[in-house]
Amino acid sequence: MTPTAMRTNAPRLPDALAARLRDRIMAGDLRPGDHLHLERLAEELGVSVTPVREALLALRGDGFVTLEPRRGFTVAPLDCQDFEDAHRLQAVIGGELAARAASRISAAQLAELAALHEEMQLSSPFVLVDVGELVTRFHTTVSRVAESPKLAWFLDVARRYTPHTVLSDLPDWREIAVADHHAVLSALQHRDPVAARVGMQRHVVRTGELLIRHLQQRGLWPEPENPPLPGRSASHPEQRGGR
């Protein structure tokens, strides 16, 4: 890869900072109402104030922070319903992309996904390995195979509500990710769009439920008096996946 290509593919510094700050908000490390000091954040992140300001302005446009006169940037309220809706949307779009990929995936692309899944299996017992990054690469490959750039763009927007740095630390998530992606891979290998849709939706929904439970335990939202059983949310996209 040429240096020019590497620069083109690398994220802009403000975009990378926005992603890091968004993850901290979604993980509950930065709470609604917290004041975001530009100078303090710049020092923590090891950068100048300018890219931090650009990052916060981008997060303001996405609704994660607010900007008030004479007060500056503040973490915006984060509603559990919005979080749940974003994961429902991820499940629907991700399922559709997986279904489309099933009808056009090549042998070489299947081999690429199989290699990623094998790496997930081998890495899942090791805490220091970022299984979430492997999952992201798997999903990115499925989106690329689906050849639906607009849907893939909407999926990337919805994924902003998933704190990727937290995923690998969630109890049982690594094992769930390995099992769920085995089901998706098997559906793609059998060119089965219905099974691919259901498998991808199931994975996204289960991940969302684990994240919500984690954030409730951290005190971001109150825990329900009668929580649903795992995999049995009130509006479960996988129930509609084969229709």
C-alpha atoms as a PDB file:
ATOM      1  CA  MET A   1       0.000   0.000   0.000  1.00  0.00           C
ATOM      2  CA  THR A   2       1.360   3.416  -0.932  1.00  0.00           C
ATOM      3  CA  PRO A   3       1.777   6.189   1.658  1.00  0.00           C
ATOM      4  CA  THR A   4      -0.936   8.152  -0.168  1.00  0.00           C
ATOM      5  CA  ALA A   5      -3.365   5.237   0.110  1.00  0.00           C
ATOM      6  CA  MET A   6      -2.535   4.807   3.790  1.00  0.00           C
ATOM      7  CA  ARG A   7      -3.292   8.469   4.428  1.00  0.00           C
ATOM      8  CA  THR A   8      -6.543   8.185   2.506  1.00  0.00           C
ATOM      9  CA  ASN A   9      -7.718   5.137   4.482  1.00  0.00           C
ATOM     10  CA  ALA A  10      -6.632   6.443   7.885  1.00  0.00           C
ATOM     11  CA  PRO A  11      -9.351   8.265   9.859  1.00  0.00           C
ATOM     12  CA  ARG A  12      -8.968  12.005  10.374  1.00  0.00           C
ATOM     13  CA  LEU A  13      -7.790  12.910  13.868  1.00  0.00           C
ATOM     14  CA  PRO A  14     -11.055  14.686  14.808  1.00  0.00           C
ATOM     15  CA  ASP A  15     -13.033  11.642  13.598  1.00  0.00           C
ATOM     16  CA  ALA A  16     -10.857   9.280  15.632  1.00  0.00           C
ATOM     17  CA  LEU A  17     -11.218  11.503  18.712  1.00  0.00           C
ATOM     18  CA  ALA A  18     -14.986  11.706  18.221  1.00  0.00           C
ATOM     19  CA  ALA A  19     -15.143   7.893  18.118  1.00  0.00           C
ATOM     20  CA  ARG A  20     -13.130   7.617  21.356  1.00  0.00           C
ATOM     21  CA  LEU A  21     -15.262  10.199  23.156  1.00  0.00           C
ATOM     22  CA  ARG A  22     -18.466   8.630  21.832  1.00  0.00           C
ATOM     23  CA  ASP A  23     -17.390   5.265  23.227  1.00  0.00           C
ATOM     24  CA  ARG A  24     -16.717   6.872  26.622  1.00  0.00           C
ATOM     25  CA  ILE A  25     -20.199   8.413  26.582  1.00  0.00           C
ATOM     26  CA  MET A  26     -21.871   5.171  25.489  1.00  0.00           C
ATOM     27  CA  ALA A  27     -19.903   3.192  28.089  1.00  0.00           C
ATOM     28  CA  GLY A  28     -21.092   5.499  30.863  1.00  0.00           C
ATOM     29  CA  ASP A  29     -17.607   6.854  31.632  1.00  0.00           C
ATOM     30  CA  LEU A  30     -18.846  10.319  30.665  1.00  0.00           C
ATOM     31  CA  ARG A  31     -22.311  10.876  32.130  1.00  0.00           C
ATOM     32  CA  PRO A  32     -25.178  13.120  30.976  1.00  0.00           C
ATOM     33  CA  GLY A  33     -24.596  16.627  32.297  1.00  0.00           C
ATOM     34  CA  ASP A  34     -20.821  16.236  32.555  1.00  0.00           C
ATOM     35  CA  HIS A  35     -19.014  19.367  31.386  1.00  0.00           C
ATOM     36  CA  LEU A  36     -16.395  18.662  28.719  1.00  0.00           C
ATOM     37  CA  HIS A  37     -13.386  20.937  29.225  1.00  0.00           C
ATOM     38  CA  LEU A  38     -11.524  21.375  25.946  1.00  0.00           C
ATOM     39  CA  GLU A  39      -8.109  21.883  27.524  1.00  0.00           C
ATOM     40  CA  ARG A  40      -8.514  18.971  29.928  1.00  0.00           C
ATOM     41  CA  LEU A  41      -9.658  16.602  27.193  1.00  0.00           C
ATOM     42  CA  ALA A  42      -6.827  17.733  24.914  1.00  0.00           C
ATOM     43  CA  GLU A  43      -4.312  16.970  27.663  1.00  0.00           C
ATOM     44  CA  GLU A  44      -5.873  13.551  28.373  1.00  0.00           C
ATOM     45  CA  LEU A  45      -5.882  12.634  24.683  1.00  0.00           C
ATOM     46  CA  GLY A  46      -2.429  14.042  23.984  1.00  0.00           C
ATOM     47  CA  VAL A  47      -3.526  16.414  21.243  1.00  0.00           C
ATOM     48  CA  SER A  48      -4.150  20.127  20.737  1.00  0.00           C
ATOM     49  CA  VAL A  49      -7.458  21.826  21.478  1.00  0.00           C
ATOM     50  CA  THR A  50      -8.441  22.310  17.812  1.00  0.00           C
ATOM     51  CA  PRO A  51      -9.125  18.642  16.869  1.00  0.00           C
ATOM     52  CA  VAL A  52     -10.912  18.137  20.206  1.00  0.00           C
ATOM     53  CA  ARG A  53     -13.220  21.058  19.393  1.00  0.00           C
ATOM     54  CA  GLU A  54     -13.884  19.595  15.920  1.00  0.00           C
ATOM     55  CA  ALA A  55     -14.630  16.198  17.478  1.00  0.00           C
ATOM     56  CA  LEU A  56     -17.091  17.707  19.963  1.00  0.00           C
ATOM     57  CA  LEU A  57     -18.810  19.674  17.222  1.00  0.00           C
ATOM     58  CA  ALA A  58     -19.252  16.426  15.282  1.00  0.00           C
ATOM     59  CA  LEU A  59     -20.691  14.752  18.394  1.00  0.00           C
ATOM     60  CA  ARG A  60     -23.025  17.708  18.830  1.00  0.00           C
ATOM     61  CA  GLY A  61     -24.311  17.106  15.307  1.00  0.00           C
ATOM     62  CA  ASP A  62     -24.954  13.459  16.231  1.00  0.00           C
ATOM     63  CA  GLY A  63     -26.804  14.450  19.419  1.00  0.00           C
ATOM     64  CA  PHE A  64     -24.249  13.095  21.902  1.00  0.00           C
ATOM     65  CA  VAL A  65     -23.239  16.492  23.346  1.00  0.00           C
ATOM     66  CA  THR A  66     -24.803  19.932  23.620  1.00  0.00           C
ATOM     67  CA  LEU A  67     -23.184  23.353  23.272  1.00  0.00           C
ATOM     68  CA  GLU A  68     -24.484  26.136  25.485  1.00  0.00           C
ATOM     69  CA  PRO A  69     -23.417  29.804  25.555  1.00  0.00           C
ATOM     70  CA  ARG A  70     -20.884  30.567  28.317  1.00  0.00           C
ATOM     71  CA  ARG A  71     -21.016  26.938  29.468  1.00  0.00           C
ATOM     72  CA  GLY A  72     -19.437  25.098  26.574  1.00  0.00           C
ATOM     73  CA  PHE A  73     -19.865  21.444  25.707  1.00  0.00           C
ATOM     74  CA  THR A  74     -21.900  19.118  27.923  1.00  0.00           C
ATOM     75  CA  VAL A  75     -22.773  15.432  27.580  1.00  0.00           C
ATOM     76  CA  ALA A  76     -26.356  15.192  26.337  1.00  0.00           C
ATOM     77  CA  PRO A  77     -29.005  13.040  28.054  1.00  0.00           C
ATOM     78  CA  LEU A  78     -28.822   9.421  26.880  1.00  0.00           C
ATOM     79  CA  ASP A  79     -32.208   7.727  26.810  1.00  0.00           C
ATOM     80  CA  CYS A  80     -32.447   3.952  27.170  1.00  0.00           C
ATOM     81  CA  GLN A  81     -35.236   3.861  24.588  1.00  0.00           C
ATOM     82  CA  ASP A  82     -33.037   5.633  22.035  1.00  0.00           C
ATOM     83  CA  PHE A  83     -30.262   3.131  22.734  1.00  0.00           C
ATOM     84  CA  GLU A  84     -32.647   0.209  22.307  1.00  0.00           C
ATOM     85  CA  ASP A  85     -34.109   1.711  19.117  1.00  0.00           C
ATOM     86  CA  ALA A  86     -30.613   2.103  17.641  1.00  0.00           C
ATOM     87  CA  HIS A  87     -29.924  -1.592  18.211  1.00  0.00           C
ATOM     88  CA  ARG A  88     -33.259  -2.598  16.711  1.00  0.00           C
ATOM     89  CA  LEU A  89     -32.318  -0.532  13.664  1.00  0.00           C
ATOM     90  CA  GLN A  90     -28.887  -2.178  13.547  1.00  0.00           C
ATOM     91  CA  ALA A  91     -30.538  -5.588  13.687  1.00  0.00           C
ATOM     92  CA  VAL A  92     -32.928  -4.842  10.810  1.00  0.00           C
ATOM     93  CA  ILE A  93     -30.298  -3.279   8.538  1.00  0.00           C
ATOM     94  CA  GLY A  94     -27.583  -5.775   9.448  1.00  0.00           C
ATOM     95  CA  GLY A  95     -29.990  -8.637   8.796  1.00  0.00           C
ATOM     96  CA  GLU A  96     -30.922  -7.238   5.389  1.00  0.00           C
ATOM     97  CA  LEU A  97     -27.265  -6.825   4.421  1.00  0.00           C
ATOM     98  CA  ALA A  98     -26.511 -10.403   5.492  1.00  0.00           C
ATOM     99  CA  ALA A  99     -29.473 -11.687   3.448  1.00  0.00           C
ATOM    100  CA  ARG A 100     -28.263  -9.804   0.360  1.00  0.00           C
ATOM    101  CA  ALA A 101     -24.710 -11.056   0.891  1.00  0.00           C
ATOM    102  CA  ALA A 102     -25.936 -14.663   0.965  1.00  0.00           C
ATOM    103  CA  SER A 103     -27.075 -14.454  -2.642  1.00  0.00           C
ATOM    104  CA  ARG A 104     -23.859 -13.012  -4.076  1.00  0.00           C
ATOM    105  CA  ILE A 105     -20.959 -14.059  -1.864  1.00  0.00           C
ATOM    106  CA  SER A 106     -17.972 -15.658  -3.609  1.00  0.00           C
ATOM    107  CA  ALA A 107     -15.804 -18.555  -2.490  1.00  0.00           C
ATOM    108  CA  ALA A 108     -12.935 -16.159  -1.777  1.00  0.00           C
ATOM    109  CA  GLN A 109     -15.158 -13.952   0.372  1.00  0.00           C
ATOM    110  CA  LEU A 110     -16.458 -16.979   2.269  1.00  0.00           C
ATOM    111  CA  ALA A 111     -12.865 -17.995   2.928  1.00  0.00           C
ATOM    112  CA  GLU A 112     -12.144 -14.489   4.246  1.00  0.00           C
ATOM    113  CA  LEU A 113     -15.088 -14.671   6.665  1.00  0.00           C
ATOM    114  CA  ALA A 114     -14.171 -18.208   7.725  1.00  0.00           C
ATOM    115  CA  ALA A 115     -10.647 -17.039   8.554  1.00  0.00           C
ATOM    116  CA  LEU A 116     -12.029 -14.166  10.638  1.00  0.00           C
ATOM    117  CA  HIS A 117     -14.362 -16.520  12.488  1.00  0.00           C
ATOM    118  CA  GLU A 118     -11.535 -18.950  13.191  1.00  0.00           C
ATOM    119  CA  GLU A 119      -9.497 -16.060  14.588  1.00  0.00           C
ATOM    120  CA  MET A 120     -12.472 -15.142  16.822  1.00  0.00           C
ATOM    121  CA  GLN A 121     -12.592 -18.701  18.154  1.00  0.00           C
ATOM    122  CA  LEU A 122      -8.878 -18.794  18.865  1.00  0.00           C
ATOM    123  CA  SER A 123      -8.873 -15.324  20.437  1.00  0.00           C
ATOM    124  CA  SER A 124     -12.007 -15.507  22.599  1.00  0.00           C
ATOM    125  CA  PRO A 125     -10.305 -17.094  25.662  1.00  0.00           C
ATOM    126  CA  PHE A 126      -7.665 -14.354  25.791  1.00  0.00           C
ATOM    127  CA  VAL A 127      -8.801 -11.155  27.503  1.00  0.00           C
ATOM    128  CA  LEU A 128      -6.086  -8.989  25.949  1.00  0.00           C
ATOM    129  CA  VAL A 129      -7.187  -9.796  22.377  1.00  0.00           C
ATOM    130  CA  ASP A 130      -9.758  -7.399  20.911  1.00  0.00           C
ATOM    131  CA  VAL A 131     -12.471  -9.774  19.668  1.00  0.00           C
ATOM    132  CA  GLY A 132     -14.669  -6.744  18.994  1.00  0.00           C
ATOM    133  CA  GLU A 133     -12.287  -5.631  16.259  1.00  0.00           C
ATOM    134  CA  LEU A 134     -12.580  -9.048  14.578  1.00  0.00           C
ATOM    135  CA  VAL A 135     -16.379  -8.835  14.785  1.00  0.00           C
ATOM    136  CA  THR A 136     -16.284  -5.365  13.197  1.00  0.00           C
ATOM    137  CA  ARG A 137     -14.150  -6.720  10.336  1.00  0.00           C
ATOM    138  CA  PHE A 138     -16.594  -9.605   9.852  1.00  0.00           C
ATOM    139  CA  HIS A 139     -19.548  -7.211   9.637  1.00  0.00           C
ATOM    140  CA  THR A 140     -17.655  -4.824   7.353  1.00  0.00           C
ATOM    141  CA  THR A 141     -16.914  -7.701   4.989  1.00  0.00           C
ATOM    142  CA  VAL A 142     -20.581  -8.770   4.947  1.00  0.00           C
ATOM    143  CA  SER A 143     -21.619  -5.181   4.176  1.00  0.00           C
ATOM    144  CA  ARG A 144     -19.092  -4.978   1.357  1.00  0.00           C
ATOM    145  CA  VAL A 145     -20.321  -8.259  -0.149  1.00  0.00           C
ATOM    146  CA  ALA A 146     -23.941  -7.037   0.005  1.00  0.00           C
ATOM    147  CA  GLU A 147     -23.040  -4.180  -2.380  1.00  0.00           C
ATOM    148  CA  SER A 148     -25.571  -1.836  -0.754  1.00  0.00           C
ATOM    149  CA  PRO A 149     -23.572   1.283   0.174  1.00  0.00           C
ATOM    150  CA  LYS A 150     -26.513   3.350   1.381  1.00  0.00           C
ATOM    151  CA  LEU A 151     -27.724   0.629   3.742  1.00  0.00           C
ATOM    152  CA  ALA A 152     -24.145   0.136   4.941  1.00  0.00           C
ATOM    153  CA  TRP A 153     -23.918   3.889   5.640  1.00  0.00           C
ATOM    154  CA  PHE A 154     -27.111   3.841   7.707  1.00  0.00           C
ATOM    155  CA  LEU A 155     -25.754   0.836   9.606  1.00  0.00           C
ATOM    156  CA  ASP A 156     -22.543   2.713  10.425  1.00  0.00           C
ATOM    157  CA  VAL A 157     -24.625   5.594  11.814  1.00  0.00           C
ATOM    158  CA  ALA A 158     -26.674   3.226  14.013  1.00  0.00           C
ATOM    159  CA  ARG A 159     -23.480   1.528  15.240  1.00  0.00           C
ATOM    160  CA  ARG A 160     -22.448   4.762  16.910  1.00  0.00           C
ATOM    161  CA  TYR A 161     -24.668   3.632  19.773  1.00  0.00           C
ATOM    162  CA  THR A 162     -22.470   0.578  20.374  1.00  0.00           C
ATOM    163  CA  PRO A 163     -19.476   1.263  22.667  1.00  0.00           C
ATOM    164  CA  HIS A 164     -17.008  -1.085  20.972  1.00  0.00           C
ATOM    165  CA  THR A 165     -14.365  -0.723  23.668  1.00  0.00           C
ATOM    166  CA  VAL A 166     -16.794  -2.236  26.193  1.00  0.00           C
ATOM    167  CA  LEU A 167     -17.948  -5.278  24.216  1.00  0.00           C
ATOM    168  CA  SER A 168     -15.026  -7.595  24.885  1.00  0.00           C
ATOM    169  CA  ASP A 169     -15.373  -7.025  28.641  1.00  0.00           C
ATOM    170  CA  LEU A 170     -19.052  -7.997  28.807  1.00  0.00           C
ATOM    171  CA  PRO A 171     -19.681 -11.349  30.534  1.00  0.00           C
ATOM    172  CA  ASP A 172     -20.284 -14.138  27.989  1.00  0.00           C
ATOM    173  CA  TRP A 173     -20.162 -11.756  24.994  1.00  0.00           C
ATOM    174  CA  ARG A 174     -17.070 -13.356  23.465  1.00  0.00           C
ATOM    175  CA  GLU A 175     -18.641 -16.821  23.497  1.00  0.00           C
ATOM    176  CA  ILE A 176     -21.926 -15.404  22.182  1.00  0.00           C
ATOM    177  CA  ALA A 177     -20.099 -13.605  19.362  1.00  0.00           C
ATOM    178  CA  VAL A 178     -18.308 -16.795  18.300  1.00  0.00           C
ATOM    179  CA  ALA A 179     -21.546 -18.823  18.309  1.00  0.00           C
ATOM    180  CA  ASP A 180     -23.629 -16.151  16.571  1.00  0.00           C
ATOM    181  CA  HIS A 181     -21.090 -15.590  13.808  1.00  0.00           C
ATOM    182  CA  HIS A 182     -20.778 -19.327  13.254  1.00  0.00           C
ATOM    183  CA  ALA A 183     -24.518 -19.342  12.537  1.00  0.00           C
ATOM    184  CA  VAL A 184     -24.200 -16.391  10.137  1.00  0.00           C
ATOM    185  CA  LEU A 185     -21.190 -17.942   8.396  1.00  0.00           C
ATOM    186  CA  SER A 186     -23.014 -21.259   8.008  1.00  0.00           C
ATOM    187  CA  ALA A 187     -26.029 -19.489   6.479  1.00  0.00           C
ATOM    188  CA  LEU A 188     -23.787 -17.647   4.024  1.00  0.00           C
ATOM    189  CA  GLN A 189     -22.006 -20.889   3.093  1.00  0.00           C
ATOM    190  CA  HIS A 190     -25.400 -22.455   2.350  1.00  0.00           C
ATOM    191  CA  ARG A 191     -26.531 -19.365   0.403  1.00  0.00           C
ATOM    192  CA  ASP A 192     -29.522 -19.104   2.728  1.00  0.00           C
ATOM    193  CA  PRO A 193     -30.713 -15.469   2.953  1.00  0.00           C
ATOM    194  CA  VAL A 194     -33.419 -16.174   5.552  1.00  0.00           C
ATOM    195  CA  ALA A 195     -31.023 -17.905   7.952  1.00  0.00           C
ATOM    196  CA  ALA A 196     -28.391 -15.200   7.357  1.00  0.00           C
ATOM    197  CA  ARG A 197     -30.916 -12.475   8.196  1.00  0.00           C
ATOM    198  CA  VAL A 198     -32.128 -14.223  11.361  1.00  0.00           C
ATOM    199  CA  GLY A 199     -28.593 -15.056  12.504  1.00  0.00           C
ATOM    200  CA  MET A 200     -27.332 -11.496  12.130  1.00  0.00           C
ATOM    201  CA  GLN A 201     -30.415 -10.017  13.782  1.00  0.00           C
ATOM    202  CA  ARG A 202     -30.087 -12.411  16.696  1.00  0.00           C
ATOM    203  CA  HIS A 203     -26.466 -11.401  17.256  1.00  0.00           C
ATOM    204  CA  VAL A 204     -27.187  -7.647  17.198  1.00  0.00           C
ATOM    205  CA  VAL A 205     -30.197  -7.982  19.519  1.00  0.00           C
ATOM    206  CA  ARG A 206     -28.316 -10.114  22.032  1.00  0.00           C
ATOM    207  CA  THR A 207     -25.398  -7.678  22.001  1.00  0.00           C
ATOM    208  CA  GLY A 208     -27.774  -4.762  22.590  1.00  0.00           C
ATOM    209  CA  GLU A 209     -29.431  -6.550  25.506  1.00  0.00           C
ATOM    210  CA  LEU A 210     -26.066  -7.267  27.133  1.00  0.00           C
ATOM    211  CA  LEU A 211     -24.984  -3.645  26.708  1.00  0.00           C
ATOM    212  CA  ILE A 212     -28.224  -2.287  28.187  1.00  0.00           C
ATOM    213  CA  ARG A 213     -27.905  -4.617  31.177  1.00  0.00           C
ATOM    214  CA  HIS A 214     -24.281  -3.523  31.653  1.00  0.00           C
ATOM    215  CA  LEU A 215     -25.176   0.182  31.535  1.00  0.00           C
ATOM    216  CA  GLN A 216     -28.086  -0.360  33.930  1.00  0.00           C
ATOM    217  CA  GLN A 217     -25.715  -2.059  36.368  1.00  0.00           C
ATOM    218  CA  ARG A 218     -23.394   0.933  36.079  1.00  0.00           C
ATOM    219  CA  GLY A 219     -26.288   3.177  37.112  1.00  0.00           C
ATOM    220  CA  LEU A 220     -26.818   4.929  33.780  1.00  0.00           C
ATOM    221  CA  TRP A 221     -30.468   3.816  33.698  1.00  0.00           C
ATOM    222  CA  PRO A 222     -32.690   2.151  36.313  1.00  0.00           C
ATOM    223  CA  GLU A 223     -32.909  -1.620  36.105  1.00  0.00           C
ATOM    224  CA  PRO A 224     -36.392  -2.997  35.277  1.00  0.00           C
ATOM    225  CA  GLU A 225     -38.323  -4.711  38.060  1.00  0.00           C
ATOM    226  CA  ASN A 226     -38.988  -7.733  35.839  1.00  0.00           C
ATOM    227  CA  PRO A 227     -36.182  -7.866  33.228  1.00  0.00           C
ATOM    228  CA  PRO A 228     -36.890  -9.935  30.081  1.00  0.00           C
ATOM    229  CA  LEU A 229     -35.152 -13.259  29.705  1.00  0.00           C
ATOM    230  CA  PRO A 230     -31.996 -13.123  27.532  1.00  0.00           C
ATOM    231  CA  GLY A 231     -32.935 -13.145  23.862  1.00  0.00           C
ATOM    232  CA  ARG A 232     -36.621 -12.422  24.599  1.00  0.00           C
ATOM    233  CA  SER A 233     -37.048  -8.658  24.373  1.00  0.00           C
ATOM    234  CA  ALA A 234     -40.536  -7.249  23.856  1.00  0.00           C
ATOM    235  CA  SER A 235     -39.818  -6.223  20.280  1.00  0.00           C
ATOM    236  CA  HIS A 236     -37.478  -8.918  18.996  1.00  0.00           C
ATOM    237  CA  PRO A 237     -36.415  -8.357  15.356  1.00  0.00           C
ATOM    238  CA  GLU A 238     -35.444 -11.989  14.896  1.00  0.00           C
ATOM    239  CA  GLN A 239     -39.112 -12.966  15.312  1.00  0.00           C
ATOM    240  CA  ARG A 240     -39.792 -11.156  12.087  1.00  0.00           C
ATOM    241  CA  GLY A 241     -36.585 -12.141  10.358  1.00  0.00           C
ATOM    242  CA  GLY A 242     -37.993 -14.847   8.060  1.00  0.00           C
ATOM    243  CA  ARG A 243     -41.027 -12.971   6.856  1.00  0.00           C
END
